[in-house]
PDB file of N, CA and C in Angstrom:
ATOM      1  N   MET A   1       0.841  -1.175   0.000  1.00  0.00           N
ATOM      2  CA  MET A   1       0.000   0.000   0.000  1.00  0.00           C
ATOM      3  C   MET A   1       0.887   1.239   0.000  1.00  0.00           C
ATOM      4  N   ASN A   2       0.541   2.174  -0.842  1.00  0.00           N
ATOM      5  CA  ASN A   2       1.273   3.434  -0.861  1.00  0.00           C
ATOM      6  C   ASN A   2       0.389   4.551  -0.294  1.00  0.00           C
ATOM      7  N   LYS A   3       0.907   5.751  -0.263  1.00  0.00           N
ATOM      8  CA  LYS A   3       0.193   6.864   0.373  1.00  0.00           C
ATOM      9  C   LYS A   3      -1.150   7.138  -0.305  1.00  0.00           C
ATOM     10  N   SER A   4      -1.206   7.118  -1.629  1.00  0.00           N
ATOM     11  CA  SER A   4      -2.468   7.409  -2.312  1.00  0.00           C
ATOM     12  C   SER A   4      -3.508   6.318  -2.041  1.00  0.00           C
ATOM     13  N   GLN A   5      -3.084   5.076  -1.917  1.00  0.00           N
ATOM     14  CA  GLN A   5      -4.015   3.998  -1.582  1.00  0.00           C
ATOM     15  C   GLN A   5      -4.522   4.156  -0.147  1.00  0.00           C
ATOM     16  N   LEU A   6      -3.653   4.593   0.741  1.00  0.00           N
ATOM     17  CA  LEU A   6      -4.049   4.855   2.124  1.00  0.00           C
ATOM     18  C   LEU A   6      -5.079   5.982   2.172  1.00  0.00           C
ATOM     19  N   ILE A   7      -4.869   7.020   1.403  1.00  0.00           N
ATOM     20  CA  ILE A   7      -5.802   8.143   1.342  1.00  0.00           C
ATOM     21  C   ILE A   7      -7.161   7.680   0.833  1.00  0.00           C
ATOM     22  N   GLU A   8      -7.167   6.867  -0.218  1.00  0.00           N
ATOM     23  CA  GLU A   8      -8.422   6.353  -0.767  1.00  0.00           C
ATOM     24  C   GLU A   8      -9.152   5.476   0.244  1.00  0.00           C
ATOM     25  N   ALA A   9      -8.419   4.627   0.943  1.00  0.00           N
ATOM     26  CA  ALA A   9      -9.034   3.753   1.948  1.00  0.00           C
ATOM     27  C   ALA A   9      -9.624   4.577   3.087  1.00  0.00           C
ATOM     28  N   LEU A  10      -8.912   5.603   3.528  1.00  0.00           N
ATOM     29  CA  LEU A  10      -9.399   6.472   4.601  1.00  0.00           C
ATOM     30  C   LEU A  10     -10.663   7.213   4.161  1.00  0.00           C
ATOM     31  N   ALA A  11     -10.644   7.760   2.961  1.00  0.00           N
ATOM     32  CA  ALA A  11     -11.801   8.496   2.445  1.00  0.00           C
ATOM     33  C   ALA A  11     -13.029   7.591   2.391  1.00  0.00           C
ATOM     34  N   GLU A  12     -12.843   6.375   1.936  1.00  0.00           N
ATOM     35  CA  GLU A  12     -13.953   5.428   1.835  1.00  0.00           C
ATOM     36  C   GLU A  12     -14.445   5.000   3.221  1.00  0.00           C
ATOM     37  N   GLU A  13     -13.513   4.743   4.126  1.00  0.00           N
ATOM     38  CA  GLU A  13     -13.868   4.252   5.468  1.00  0.00           C
ATOM     39  C   GLU A  13     -14.656   5.272   6.283  1.00  0.00           C
ATOM     40  N   ILE A  14     -14.247   6.536   6.245  1.00  0.00           N
ATOM     41  CA  ILE A  14     -14.934   7.530   7.083  1.00  0.00           C
ATOM     42  C   ILE A  14     -15.861   8.448   6.288  1.00  0.00           C
ATOM     43  N   GLY A  15     -15.958   8.220   4.987  1.00  0.00           N
ATOM     44  CA  GLY A  15     -16.916   8.966   4.173  1.00  0.00           C
ATOM     45  C   GLY A  15     -16.590  10.429   3.980  1.00  0.00           C
ATOM     46  N   VAL A  16     -15.327  10.725   3.709  1.00  0.00           N
ATOM     47  CA  VAL A  16     -14.931  12.108   3.428  1.00  0.00           C
ATOM     48  C   VAL A  16     -14.353  12.174   2.020  1.00  0.00           C
ATOM     49  N   SER A  17     -14.149  13.399   1.542  1.00  0.00           N
ATOM     50  CA  SER A  17     -13.584  13.571   0.206  1.00  0.00           C
ATOM     51  C   SER A  17     -12.107  13.165   0.198  1.00  0.00           C
ATOM     52  N   LEU A  18     -11.594  12.915  -0.990  1.00  0.00           N
ATOM     53  CA  LEU A  18     -10.177  12.569  -1.121  1.00  0.00           C
ATOM     54  C   LEU A  18      -9.293  13.707  -0.627  1.00  0.00           C
ATOM     55  N   ARG A  19      -9.717  14.939  -0.853  1.00  0.00           N
ATOM     56  CA  ARG A  19      -8.943  16.107  -0.407  1.00  0.00           C
ATOM     57  C   ARG A  19      -8.834  16.136   1.123  1.00  0.00           C
ATOM     58  N   GLU A  20      -9.950  15.887   1.797  1.00  0.00           N
ATOM     59  CA  GLU A  20      -9.936  15.868   3.266  1.00  0.00           C
ATOM     60  C   GLU A  20      -9.098  14.695   3.783  1.00  0.00           C
ATOM     61  N   ALA A  21      -9.241  13.531   3.148  1.00  0.00           N
ATOM     62  CA  ALA A  21      -8.464  12.357   3.557  1.00  0.00           C
ATOM     63  C   ALA A  21      -6.974  12.605   3.341  1.00  0.00           C
ATOM     64  N   ASP A  22      -6.629  13.317   2.265  1.00  0.00           N
ATOM     65  CA  ASP A  22      -5.234  13.646   2.001  1.00  0.00           C
ATOM     66  C   ASP A  22      -4.690  14.570   3.089  1.00  0.00           C
ATOM     67  N   THR A  23      -5.489  15.550   3.501  1.00  0.00           N
ATOM     68  CA  THR A  23      -5.084  16.472   4.555  1.00  0.00           C
ATOM     69  C   THR A  23      -4.869  15.729   5.871  1.00  0.00           C
ATOM     70  N   ILE A  24      -5.776  14.835   6.206  1.00  0.00           N
ATOM     71  CA  ILE A  24      -5.668  14.055   7.443  1.00  0.00           C
ATOM     72  C   ILE A  24      -4.418  13.186   7.411  1.00  0.00           C
ATOM     73  N   THR A  25      -4.224  12.467   6.320  1.00  0.00           N
ATOM     74  CA  THR A  25      -3.074  11.569   6.185  1.00  0.00           C
ATOM     75  C   THR A  25      -1.764  12.351   6.248  1.00  0.00           C
ATOM     76  N   SER A  26      -1.696  13.441   5.518  1.00  0.00           N
ATOM     77  CA  SER A  26      -0.478  14.254   5.516  1.00  0.00           C
ATOM     78  C   SER A  26      -0.182  14.827   6.889  1.00  0.00           C
ATOM     79  N   THR A  27      -1.220  15.249   7.597  1.00  0.00           N
ATOM     80  CA  THR A  27      -1.042  15.799   8.943  1.00  0.00           C
ATOM     81  C   THR A  27      -0.472  14.745   9.883  1.00  0.00           C
ATOM     82  N   VAL A  28      -1.020  13.547   9.837  1.00  0.00           N
ATOM     83  CA  VAL A  28      -0.541  12.459  10.708  1.00  0.00           C
ATOM     84  C   VAL A  28       0.908  12.106  10.372  1.00  0.00           C
ATOM     85  N   LEU A  29       1.207  11.924   9.089  1.00  0.00           N
ATOM     86  CA  LEU A  29       2.563  11.547   8.689  1.00  0.00           C
ATOM     87  C   LEU A  29       3.573  12.660   8.996  1.00  0.00           C
ATOM     88  N   ASP A  30       3.173  13.910   8.786  1.00  0.00           N
ATOM     89  CA  ASP A  30       4.059  15.036   9.103  1.00  0.00           C
ATOM     90  C   ASP A  30       4.340  15.116  10.599  1.00  0.00           C
ATOM     91  N   ALA A  31       3.311  14.889  11.418  1.00  0.00           N
ATOM     92  CA  ALA A  31       3.493  14.917  12.871  1.00  0.00           C
ATOM     93  C   ALA A  31       4.426  13.796  13.314  1.00  0.00           C
ATOM     94  N   MET A  32       4.276  12.620  12.713  1.00  0.00           N
ATOM     95  CA  MET A  32       5.154  11.496  13.048  1.00  0.00           C
ATOM     96  C   MET A  32       6.599  11.801  12.645  1.00  0.00           C
ATOM     97  N   ALA A  33       6.786  12.324  11.451  1.00  0.00           N
ATOM     98  CA  ALA A  33       8.130  12.648  10.970  1.00  0.00           C
ATOM     99  C   ALA A  33       8.774  13.723  11.842  1.00  0.00           C
ATOM    100  N   GLU A  34       8.006  14.720  12.236  1.00  0.00           N
ATOM    101  CA  GLU A  34       8.532  15.793  13.077  1.00  0.00           C
ATOM    102  C   GLU A  34       8.942  15.259  14.450  1.00  0.00           C
ATOM    103  N   THR A  35       8.129  14.376  15.016  1.00  0.00           N
ATOM    104  CA  THR A  35       8.451  13.779  16.310  1.00  0.00           C
ATOM    105  C   THR A  35       9.766  13.008  16.228  1.00  0.00           C
ATOM    106  N   LEU A  36       9.943  12.214  15.175  1.00  0.00           N
ATOM    107  CA  LEU A  36      11.181  11.452  15.011  1.00  0.00           C
ATOM    108  C   LEU A  36      12.365  12.375  14.759  1.00  0.00           C
ATOM    109  N   ALA A  37      12.169  13.437  13.981  1.00  0.00           N
ATOM    110  CA  ALA A  37      13.246  14.379  13.695  1.00  0.00           C
ATOM    111  C   ALA A  37      13.721  15.080  14.966  1.00  0.00           C
ATOM    112  N   GLU A  38      12.810  15.258  15.916  1.00  0.00           N
ATOM    113  CA  GLU A  38      13.162  15.893  17.185  1.00  0.00           C
ATOM    114  C   GLU A  38      13.751  14.896  18.186  1.00  0.00           C
ATOM    115  N   GLY A  39      13.886  13.638  17.762  1.00  0.00           N
ATOM    116  CA  GLY A  39      14.478  12.622  18.637  1.00  0.00           C
ATOM    117  C   GLY A  39      13.478  11.867  19.486  1.00  0.00           C
ATOM    118  N   GLY A  40      12.197  12.105  19.266  1.00  0.00           N
ATOM    119  CA  GLY A  40      11.156  11.419  20.031  1.00  0.00           C
ATOM    120  C   GLY A  40      10.875  10.036  19.489  1.00  0.00           C
ATOM    121  N   SER A  41       9.955   9.354  20.130  1.00  0.00           N
ATOM    122  CA  SER A  41       9.545   8.031  19.660  1.00  0.00           C
ATOM    123  C   SER A  41       8.028   8.013  19.525  1.00  0.00           C
ATOM    124  N   ILE A  42       7.530   7.056  18.764  1.00  0.00           N
ATOM    125  CA  ILE A  42       6.104   6.931  18.514  1.00  0.00           C
ATOM    126  C   ILE A  42       5.707   5.500  18.837  1.00  0.00           C
ATOM    127  N   GLU A  43       4.649   5.343  19.616  1.00  0.00           N
ATOM    128  CA  GLU A  43       4.163   4.006  19.935  1.00  0.00           C
ATOM    129  C   GLU A  43       2.690   3.925  19.574  1.00  0.00           C
ATOM    130  N   ILE A  44       2.352   2.964  18.725  1.00  0.00           N
ATOM    131  CA  ILE A  44       0.967   2.740  18.345  1.00  0.00           C
ATOM    132  C   ILE A  44       0.625   1.335  18.826  1.00  0.00           C
ATOM    133  N   ARG A  45      -0.142   1.248  19.899  1.00  0.00           N
ATOM    134  CA  ARG A  45      -0.458  -0.036  20.528  1.00  0.00           C
ATOM    135  C   ARG A  45      -1.050  -0.998  19.509  1.00  0.00           C
ATOM    136  N   GLY A  46      -0.542  -2.215  19.501  1.00  0.00           N
ATOM    137  CA  GLY A  46      -1.026  -3.244  18.597  1.00  0.00           C
ATOM    138  C   GLY A  46      -0.404  -3.200  17.216  1.00  0.00           C
ATOM    139  N   PHE A  47       0.273  -2.127  16.894  1.00  0.00           N
ATOM    140  CA  PHE A  47       0.897  -1.978  15.580  1.00  0.00           C
ATOM    141  C   PHE A  47       2.407  -2.040  15.684  1.00  0.00           C
ATOM    142  N   GLY A  48       2.984  -1.140  16.470  1.00  0.00           N
ATOM    143  CA  GLY A  48       4.430  -1.130  16.632  1.00  0.00           C
ATOM    144  C   GLY A  48       4.908   0.214  17.122  1.00  0.00           C
ATOM    145  N   SER A  49       6.220   0.351  17.151  1.00  0.00           N
ATOM    146  CA  SER A  49       6.798   1.612  17.612  1.00  0.00           C
ATOM    147  C   SER A  49       7.920   2.044  16.675  1.00  0.00           C
ATOM    148  N   PHE A  50       8.069   3.348  16.602  1.00  0.00           N
ATOM    149  CA  PHE A  50       9.121   3.958  15.802  1.00  0.00           C
ATOM    150  C   PHE A  50      10.066   4.663  16.761  1.00  0.00           C
ATOM    151  N   VAL A  51      11.347   4.414  16.616  1.00  0.00           N
ATOM    152  CA  VAL A  51      12.350   5.086  17.431  1.00  0.00           C
ATOM    153  C   VAL A  51      13.491   5.528  16.516  1.00  0.00           C
ATOM    154  N   VAL A  52      14.300   6.432  17.023  1.00  0.00           N
ATOM    155  CA  VAL A  52      15.469   6.875  16.283  1.00  0.00           C
ATOM    156  C   VAL A  52      16.694   6.253  16.949  1.00  0.00           C
ATOM    157  N   LYS A  53      17.463   5.502  16.183  1.00  0.00           N
ATOM    158  CA  LYS A  53      18.692   4.907  16.698  1.00  0.00           C
ATOM    159  C   LYS A  53      19.865   5.772  16.266  1.00  0.00           C
ATOM    160  N   GLU A  54      20.770   5.986  17.201  1.00  0.00           N
ATOM    161  CA  GLU A  54      21.956   6.789  16.907  1.00  0.00           C
ATOM    162  C   GLU A  54      23.155   5.875  16.714  1.00  0.00           C
ATOM    163  N   TYR A  55      23.896   6.128  15.665  1.00  0.00           N
ATOM    164  CA  TYR A  55      25.087   5.354  15.356  1.00  0.00           C
ATOM    165  C   TYR A  55      26.313   6.250  15.476  1.00  0.00           C
ATOM    166  N   ALA A  56      27.324   5.760  16.157  1.00  0.00           N
ATOM    167  CA  ALA A  56      28.548   6.533  16.369  1.00  0.00           C
ATOM    168  C   ALA A  56      29.412   6.542  15.107  1.00  0.00           C
ATOM    169  N   THR A  57      30.426   7.388  15.119  1.00  0.00           N
ATOM    170  CA  THR A  57      31.393   7.435  14.029  1.00  0.00           C
ATOM    171  C   THR A  57      32.144   6.110  13.962  1.00  0.00           C
ATOM    172  N   TYR A  58      32.409   5.671  12.743  1.00  0.00           N
ATOM    173  CA  TYR A  58      33.213   4.460  12.564  1.00  0.00           C
ATOM    174  C   TYR A  58      34.007   4.585  11.272  1.00  0.00           C
ATOM    175  N   PHE A  59      34.963   3.695  11.114  1.00  0.00           N
ATOM    176  CA  PHE A  59      35.763   3.697   9.899  1.00  0.00           C
ATOM    177  C   PHE A  59      35.265   2.601   8.966  1.00  0.00           C
ATOM    178  N   GLY A  60      35.048   2.992   7.724  1.00  0.00           N
ATOM    179  CA  GLY A  60      34.620   2.062   6.691  1.00  0.00           C
ATOM    180  C   GLY A  60      35.616   2.086   5.555  1.00  0.00           C
ATOM    181  N   ARG A  61      35.294   1.380   4.496  1.00  0.00           N
ATOM    182  CA  ARG A  61      36.167   1.340   3.318  1.00  0.00           C
ATOM    183  C   ARG A  61      35.387   1.714   2.076  1.00  0.00           C
ATOM    184  N   ASN A  62      36.050   2.488   1.212  1.00  0.00           N
ATOM    185  CA  ASN A  62      35.492   2.797  -0.088  1.00  0.00           C
ATOM    186  C   ASN A  62      35.563   1.509  -0.902  1.00  0.00           C
ATOM    187  N   PRO A  63      34.438   0.974  -1.368  1.00  0.00           N
ATOM    188  CA  PRO A  63      34.469  -0.307  -2.076  1.00  0.00           C
ATOM    189  C   PRO A  63      35.250  -0.275  -3.396  1.00  0.00           C
ATOM    190  N   LYS A  64      35.359   0.881  -4.025  1.00  0.00           N
ATOM    191  CA  LYS A  64      36.094   0.967  -5.287  1.00  0.00           C
ATOM    192  C   LYS A  64      37.601   1.010  -5.081  1.00  0.00           C
ATOM    193  N   THR A  65      38.021   1.817  -4.097  1.00  0.00           N
ATOM    194  CA  THR A  65      39.461   2.027  -3.931  1.00  0.00           C
ATOM    195  C   THR A  65      40.049   1.272  -2.739  1.00  0.00           C
ATOM    196  N   GLY A  66      39.201   0.828  -1.831  1.00  0.00           N
ATOM    197  CA  GLY A  66      39.693   0.168  -0.629  1.00  0.00           C
ATOM    198  C   GLY A  66      40.211   1.142   0.415  1.00  0.00           C
ATOM    199  N   GLU A  67      40.145   2.434   0.116  1.00  0.00           N
ATOM    200  CA  GLU A  67      40.636   3.468   1.026  1.00  0.00           C
ATOM    201  C   GLU A  67      39.756   3.533   2.281  1.00  0.00           C
ATOM    202  N   LYS A  68      40.393   3.690   3.455  1.00  0.00           N
ATOM    203  CA  LYS A  68      39.650   3.857   4.701  1.00  0.00           C
ATOM    204  C   LYS A  68      39.022   5.238   4.722  1.00  0.00           C
ATOM    205  N   ILE A  69      37.758   5.297   5.134  1.00  0.00           N
ATOM    206  CA  ILE A  69      37.083   6.577   5.263  1.00  0.00           C
ATOM    207  C   ILE A  69      36.374   6.630   6.618  1.00  0.00           C
ATOM    208  N   LYS A  70      36.270   7.832   7.149  1.00  0.00           N
ATOM    209  CA  LYS A  70      35.582   8.026   8.418  1.00  0.00           C
ATOM    210  C   LYS A  70      34.112   8.309   8.118  1.00  0.00           C
ATOM    211  N   VAL A  71      33.242   7.471   8.657  1.00  0.00           N
ATOM    212  CA  VAL A  71      31.813   7.655   8.460  1.00  0.00           C
ATOM    213  C   VAL A  71      31.290   8.473   9.645  1.00  0.00           C
ATOM    214  N   PRO A  72      30.654   9.602   9.367  1.00  0.00           N
ATOM    215  CA  PRO A  72      30.191  10.461  10.460  1.00  0.00           C
ATOM    216  C   PRO A  72      29.041   9.804  11.234  1.00  0.00           C
ATOM    217  N   PRO A  73      28.802  10.277  12.456  1.00  0.00           N
ATOM    218  CA  PRO A  73      27.684   9.726  13.216  1.00  0.00           C
ATOM    219  C   PRO A  73      26.370  10.016  12.496  1.00  0.00           C
ATOM    220  N   LYS A  74      25.402   9.150  12.710  1.00  0.00           N
ATOM    221  CA  LYS A  74      24.119   9.362  12.042  1.00  0.00           C
ATOM    222  C   LYS A  74      22.983   8.826  12.901  1.00  0.00           C
ATOM    223  N   LYS A  75      21.801   9.260  12.565  1.00  0.00           N
ATOM    224  CA  LYS A  75      20.583   8.808  13.227  1.00  0.00           C
ATOM    225  C   LYS A  75      19.684   8.209  12.157  1.00  0.00           C
ATOM    226  N   LEU A  76      19.099   7.053  12.464  1.00  0.00           N
ATOM    227  CA  LEU A  76      18.212   6.396  11.516  1.00  0.00           C
ATOM    228  C   LEU A  76      16.926   5.981  12.214  1.00  0.00           C
ATOM    229  N   PRO A  77      15.771   6.185  11.550  1.00  0.00           N
ATOM    230  CA  PRO A  77      14.518   5.717  12.132  1.00  0.00           C
ATOM    231  C   PRO A  77      14.459   4.193  12.074  1.00  0.00           C
ATOM    232  N   PHE A  78      13.842   3.599  13.077  1.00  0.00           N
ATOM    233  CA  PHE A  78      13.755   2.159  13.183  1.00  0.00           C
ATOM    234  C   PHE A  78      12.339   1.794  13.616  1.00  0.00           C
ATOM    235  N   PHE A  79      11.764   0.762  12.994  1.00  0.00           N
ATOM    236  CA  PHE A  79      10.419   0.302  13.340  1.00  0.00           C
ATOM    237  C   PHE A  79      10.502  -1.044  14.025  1.00  0.00           C
ATOM    238  N   LYS A  80       9.825  -1.167  15.155  1.00  0.00           N
ATOM    239  CA  LYS A  80       9.747  -2.437  15.859  1.00  0.00           C
ATOM    240  C   LYS A  80       8.279  -2.855  15.866  1.00  0.00           C
ATOM    241  N   VAL A  81       8.002  -3.993  15.266  1.00  0.00           N
ATOM    242  CA  VAL A  81       6.631  -4.468  15.120  1.00  0.00           C
ATOM    243  C   VAL A  81       6.040  -4.839  16.478  1.00  0.00           C
ATOM    244  N   GLY A  82       4.746  -4.558  16.645  1.00  0.00           N
ATOM    245  CA  GLY A  82       4.034  -4.901  17.875  1.00  0.00           C
ATOM    246  C   GLY A  82       3.563  -6.343  17.848  1.00  0.00           C
ATOM    247  N   LYS A  83       3.252  -6.867  19.015  1.00  0.00           N
ATOM    248  CA  LYS A  83       2.860  -8.266  19.155  1.00  0.00           C
ATOM    249  C   LYS A  83       1.609  -8.599  18.336  1.00  0.00           C
ATOM    250  N   GLU A  84       0.575  -7.765  18.410  1.00  0.00           N
ATOM    251  CA  GLU A  84      -0.671  -8.039  17.691  1.00  0.00           C
ATOM    252  C   GLU A  84      -0.459  -8.058  16.181  1.00  0.00           C
ATOM    253  N   LEU A  85       0.314  -7.128  15.653  1.00  0.00           N
ATOM    254  CA  LEU A  85       0.585  -7.096  14.217  1.00  0.00           C
ATOM    255  C   LEU A  85       1.403  -8.308  13.798  1.00  0.00           C
ATOM    256  N   ARG A  86       2.413  -8.655  14.584  1.00  0.00           N
ATOM    257  CA  ARG A  86       3.237  -9.823  14.276  1.00  0.00           C
ATOM    258  C   ARG A  86       2.376 -11.083  14.228  1.00  0.00           C
ATOM    259  N   GLU A  87       1.486 -11.246  15.199  1.00  0.00           N
ATOM    260  CA  GLU A  87       0.609 -12.419  15.226  1.00  0.00           C
ATOM    261  C   GLU A  87      -0.359 -12.414  14.055  1.00  0.00           C
ATOM    262  N   ARG A  88      -0.866 -11.244  13.703  1.00  0.00           N
ATOM    263  CA  ARG A  88      -1.800 -11.147  12.567  1.00  0.00           C
ATOM    264  C   ARG A  88      -1.125 -11.509  11.255  1.00  0.00           C
ATOM    265  N   VAL A  89       0.106 -11.042  11.074  1.00  0.00           N
ATOM    266  CA  VAL A  89       0.843 -11.334   9.849  1.00  0.00           C
ATOM    267  C   VAL A  89       1.174 -12.830   9.767  1.00  0.00           C
ATOM    268  N   ASN A  90       1.511 -13.418  10.907  1.00  0.00           N
ATOM    269  CA  ASN A  90       1.889 -14.822  10.927  1.00  0.00           C
ATOM    270  C   ASN A  90       0.719 -15.786  11.091  1.00  0.00           C
ATOM    271  N   SER A  91      -0.501 -15.295  11.206  1.00  0.00           N
ATOM    272  CA  SER A  91      -1.655 -16.161  11.458  1.00  0.00           C
ATOM    273  C   SER A  91      -1.981 -17.085  10.282  1.00  0.00           C
ATOM    274  N   GLU A  92      -1.539 -16.748   9.088  1.00  0.00           N
ATOM    275  CA  GLU A  92      -1.851 -17.576   7.910  1.00  0.00           C
ATOM    276  C   GLU A  92      -0.905 -18.760   7.778  1.00  0.00           C
ATOM    277  N   TYR A  93       0.132 -18.836   8.579  1.00  0.00           N
ATOM    278  CA  TYR A  93       1.105 -19.914   8.440  1.00  0.00           C
ATOM    279  C   TYR A  93       0.864 -20.993   9.439  1.00  0.00           C
TER     280      TYR A  93
END
């Protein structure tokens, strides 16, 4: 499912126009992205949680030249699936 499919499903489910569903979806996704950008975490019971993991500086290698390079510290969003979602996905097996 992509964003436009999510918007269509939301519009159909709650009986609003596509424009309103787009506004709602964008607002939710923007709020989630802003929370993660500020270093916060998001927990949606039964679905999962989003956290930001911080990685320290390390030395890597350029695959073309083999030269050692210093990789700067970085932060990456990480999703951890919730128990209910994991069970739902695995229920068909």
